[in-house]
């Protein structure tokens, strides 16, 4: 089953585990979930107030609607 989840954060969460820093993906674009792989860099330059989606190749697209009623991470 597929679902749409809005993610607004453009950088990972830092978590300390045994004194070592681990970075947890917060943008939802990582190919190595739950860990960050730097894919959040794709979000640079997104238009504020617009909803974007990314295809398998990492190309950004603007959604036709912002779907304000969809649950988000904010």
N, C-alpha and C. Protein backbone atom coordinates (compact mmCIF):
# COMPACT_ATOMS: atom_id res chain seq x y z
N UNK A 1 0.84 -1.17 0.00
CA UNK A 1 0.00 0.00 0.00
C UNK A 1 0.88 1.24 0.00
N UNK A 2 0.55 2.19 -0.81
CA UNK A 2 1.32 3.43 -0.89
C UNK A 2 0.65 4.52 -0.06
N UNK A 3 1.44 5.50 0.35
CA UNK A 3 0.89 6.65 1.08
C UNK A 3 1.73 7.88 0.79
N UNK A 4 1.12 9.02 0.94
CA UNK A 4 1.82 10.30 0.77
C UNK A 4 2.07 10.87 2.16
N UNK A 5 3.33 11.22 2.42
CA UNK A 5 3.72 11.83 3.68
C UNK A 5 4.51 13.09 3.35
N UNK A 6 4.09 14.22 3.90
CA UNK A 6 4.81 15.47 3.68
C UNK A 6 5.97 15.58 4.66
N UNK A 7 7.13 15.90 4.13
CA UNK A 7 8.32 16.13 4.97
C UNK A 7 8.78 17.56 4.71
N UNK A 8 8.98 18.33 5.77
CA UNK A 8 9.36 19.73 5.63
C UNK A 8 10.81 20.00 6.00
N UNK A 9 11.43 19.09 6.69
CA UNK A 9 12.80 19.29 7.15
C UNK A 9 13.78 19.06 6.00
N UNK A 10 14.83 19.88 5.94
CA UNK A 10 15.81 19.78 4.85
C UNK A 10 17.21 19.41 5.35
N UNK A 11 17.26 18.80 6.52
CA UNK A 11 18.54 18.32 7.07
C UNK A 11 18.24 17.19 8.06
N UNK A 12 19.23 16.33 8.32
CA UNK A 12 18.98 15.16 9.17
C UNK A 12 18.96 15.49 10.66
N UNK A 13 18.47 14.52 11.41
CA UNK A 13 18.55 14.58 12.87
C UNK A 13 19.86 13.93 13.29
N UNK A 14 20.59 14.57 14.19
CA UNK A 14 21.81 13.97 14.73
C UNK A 14 21.46 13.25 16.03
N UNK A 15 21.88 11.99 16.13
CA UNK A 15 21.62 11.18 17.31
C UNK A 15 22.96 10.64 17.79
N UNK A 16 23.24 10.79 19.07
CA UNK A 16 24.48 10.26 19.65
C UNK A 16 24.21 8.86 20.18
N UNK A 17 24.99 7.90 19.70
CA UNK A 17 24.88 6.52 20.15
C UNK A 17 26.26 6.08 20.62
N UNK A 18 26.38 5.87 21.91
CA UNK A 18 27.68 5.47 22.47
C UNK A 18 28.77 6.49 22.20
N UNK A 19 28.41 7.76 22.14
CA UNK A 19 29.38 8.82 21.89
C UNK A 19 29.62 9.10 20.41
N UNK A 20 29.12 8.24 19.54
CA UNK A 20 29.28 8.43 18.10
C UNK A 20 28.03 9.10 17.51
N UNK A 21 28.24 10.01 16.57
CA UNK A 21 27.12 10.69 15.92
C UNK A 21 26.59 9.83 14.76
N UNK A 22 25.28 9.65 14.73
CA UNK A 22 24.59 9.00 13.62
C UNK A 22 23.59 10.02 13.10
N UNK A 23 23.34 10.00 11.82
CA UNK A 23 22.43 10.97 11.22
C UNK A 23 21.23 10.24 10.63
N UNK A 24 20.05 10.62 11.12
CA UNK A 24 18.79 10.00 10.73
C UNK A 24 18.09 10.89 9.71
N UNK A 25 17.69 10.29 8.61
CA UNK A 25 17.03 11.02 7.53
C UNK A 25 15.74 11.68 8.04
N UNK A 26 15.56 12.93 7.68
CA UNK A 26 14.33 13.65 8.02
C UNK A 26 13.62 14.17 6.77
N UNK A 27 14.28 14.10 5.63
CA UNK A 27 13.67 14.60 4.39
C UNK A 27 12.87 13.53 3.67
N UNK A 28 13.16 12.25 3.96
CA UNK A 28 12.46 11.15 3.32
C UNK A 28 13.04 10.72 1.99
N UNK A 29 14.13 11.31 1.56
CA UNK A 29 14.70 11.02 0.24
C UNK A 29 15.87 10.04 0.26
N UNK A 30 16.37 9.70 1.43
CA UNK A 30 17.53 8.83 1.53
C UNK A 30 17.28 7.46 0.90
N UNK A 31 18.29 6.94 0.25
CA UNK A 31 18.25 5.58 -0.28
C UNK A 31 18.73 4.58 0.73
N UNK A 32 19.05 5.06 1.94
CA UNK A 32 19.59 4.21 3.00
C UNK A 32 18.81 4.42 4.30
N UNK A 33 17.49 4.54 4.20
CA UNK A 33 16.67 4.79 5.39
C UNK A 33 16.90 3.72 6.45
N UNK A 34 16.93 4.07 7.72
CA UNK A 34 16.57 5.37 8.27
C UNK A 34 17.73 6.36 8.31
N UNK A 35 18.87 5.99 7.77
CA UNK A 35 20.05 6.84 7.85
C UNK A 35 20.12 7.84 6.71
N UNK A 36 20.74 8.97 6.97
CA UNK A 36 20.92 10.02 5.97
C UNK A 36 22.02 9.61 5.00
N UNK A 37 21.76 9.83 3.70
CA UNK A 37 22.80 9.60 2.69
C UNK A 37 23.14 10.89 1.94
N UNK A 38 22.68 12.03 2.45
CA UNK A 38 22.96 13.32 1.82
C UNK A 38 21.94 13.74 0.77
N UNK A 39 20.92 12.92 0.55
CA UNK A 39 19.91 13.24 -0.47
C UNK A 39 19.14 14.51 -0.16
N UNK A 40 19.15 14.97 1.09
CA UNK A 40 18.46 16.21 1.44
C UNK A 40 19.00 17.40 0.66
N UNK A 41 20.20 17.26 0.12
CA UNK A 41 20.77 18.35 -0.69
C UNK A 41 19.93 18.62 -1.93
N UNK A 42 19.14 17.63 -2.36
CA UNK A 42 18.24 17.82 -3.50
C UNK A 42 17.18 18.88 -3.21
N UNK A 43 16.87 19.10 -1.93
CA UNK A 43 15.80 20.03 -1.57
C UNK A 43 16.23 21.50 -1.66
N UNK A 44 17.52 21.75 -1.82
CA UNK A 44 18.00 23.13 -1.92
C UNK A 44 17.35 23.79 -3.14
N UNK A 45 16.78 24.95 -2.93
CA UNK A 45 16.16 25.68 -4.02
C UNK A 45 14.68 25.40 -4.21
N UNK A 46 14.09 24.59 -3.31
CA UNK A 46 12.65 24.37 -3.41
C UNK A 46 11.92 25.70 -3.19
N UNK A 47 10.80 25.86 -3.85
CA UNK A 47 10.00 27.07 -3.73
C UNK A 47 9.18 27.01 -2.45
N UNK A 48 9.34 28.02 -1.59
CA UNK A 48 8.58 28.07 -0.34
C UNK A 48 7.09 28.10 -0.63
N UNK A 49 6.33 27.35 0.16
CA UNK A 49 4.88 27.32 0.00
C UNK A 49 4.38 26.37 -1.08
N UNK A 50 5.30 25.73 -1.79
CA UNK A 50 4.93 24.76 -2.83
C UNK A 50 5.25 23.35 -2.35
N UNK A 51 4.56 22.38 -2.90
CA UNK A 51 4.82 20.98 -2.58
C UNK A 51 5.59 20.36 -3.74
N UNK A 52 6.69 19.69 -3.43
CA UNK A 52 7.54 19.08 -4.45
C UNK A 52 7.59 17.57 -4.26
N UNK A 53 7.83 16.87 -5.35
CA UNK A 53 8.08 15.43 -5.28
C UNK A 53 9.27 15.13 -6.18
N UNK A 54 9.91 14.00 -5.91
CA UNK A 54 11.14 13.62 -6.62
C UNK A 54 10.95 12.27 -7.28
N UNK A 55 11.39 12.18 -8.55
CA UNK A 55 11.27 10.90 -9.26
C UNK A 55 12.46 10.00 -8.89
N UNK A 56 12.48 8.81 -9.44
CA UNK A 56 13.53 7.83 -9.11
C UNK A 56 14.93 8.34 -9.44
N UNK A 57 15.04 9.24 -10.40
CA UNK A 57 16.33 9.79 -10.77
C UNK A 57 16.74 10.99 -9.94
N UNK A 58 15.88 11.41 -8.99
CA UNK A 58 16.19 12.55 -8.14
C UNK A 58 15.75 13.89 -8.72
N UNK A 59 15.03 13.86 -9.85
CA UNK A 59 14.56 15.10 -10.46
C UNK A 59 13.36 15.64 -9.69
N UNK A 60 13.38 16.95 -9.40
CA UNK A 60 12.31 17.60 -8.65
C UNK A 60 11.15 17.97 -9.56
N UNK A 61 9.94 17.78 -9.04
CA UNK A 61 8.71 18.17 -9.74
C UNK A 61 7.83 18.92 -8.75
N UNK A 62 7.06 19.85 -9.24
CA UNK A 62 6.13 20.58 -8.38
C UNK A 62 4.77 19.90 -8.47
N UNK A 63 4.18 19.61 -7.31
CA UNK A 63 2.85 19.01 -7.27
C UNK A 63 1.82 20.06 -7.68
N UNK A 64 0.74 19.63 -8.28
CA UNK A 64 -0.28 20.54 -8.76
C UNK A 64 -1.07 21.17 -7.61
N UNK A 65 -1.09 20.53 -6.46
CA UNK A 65 -1.81 21.01 -5.29
C UNK A 65 -0.90 20.83 -4.08
N UNK A 66 -1.06 21.69 -3.08
CA UNK A 66 -0.24 21.58 -1.87
C UNK A 66 -0.85 20.62 -0.86
N UNK A 67 -2.08 20.14 -1.08
CA UNK A 67 -2.74 19.19 -0.20
C UNK A 67 -2.58 19.57 1.28
N UNK A 68 -3.12 20.71 1.68
CA UNK A 68 -2.92 21.19 3.05
C UNK A 68 -3.46 20.25 4.13
N UNK A 69 -4.39 19.37 3.76
CA UNK A 69 -4.96 18.47 4.76
C UNK A 69 -4.13 17.22 5.00
N UNK A 70 -3.08 17.00 4.20
CA UNK A 70 -2.23 15.83 4.40
C UNK A 70 -1.35 16.05 5.63
N UNK A 71 -1.28 15.04 6.45
CA UNK A 71 -0.45 15.07 7.66
C UNK A 71 1.01 15.29 7.28
N UNK A 72 1.71 16.10 8.06
CA UNK A 72 3.11 16.38 7.79
C UNK A 72 3.94 16.19 9.06
N UNK A 73 5.24 16.41 8.94
CA UNK A 73 6.14 16.25 10.08
C UNK A 73 6.24 17.51 10.94
N UNK A 74 5.43 18.51 10.66
CA UNK A 74 5.46 19.74 11.47
C UNK A 74 4.43 19.69 12.56
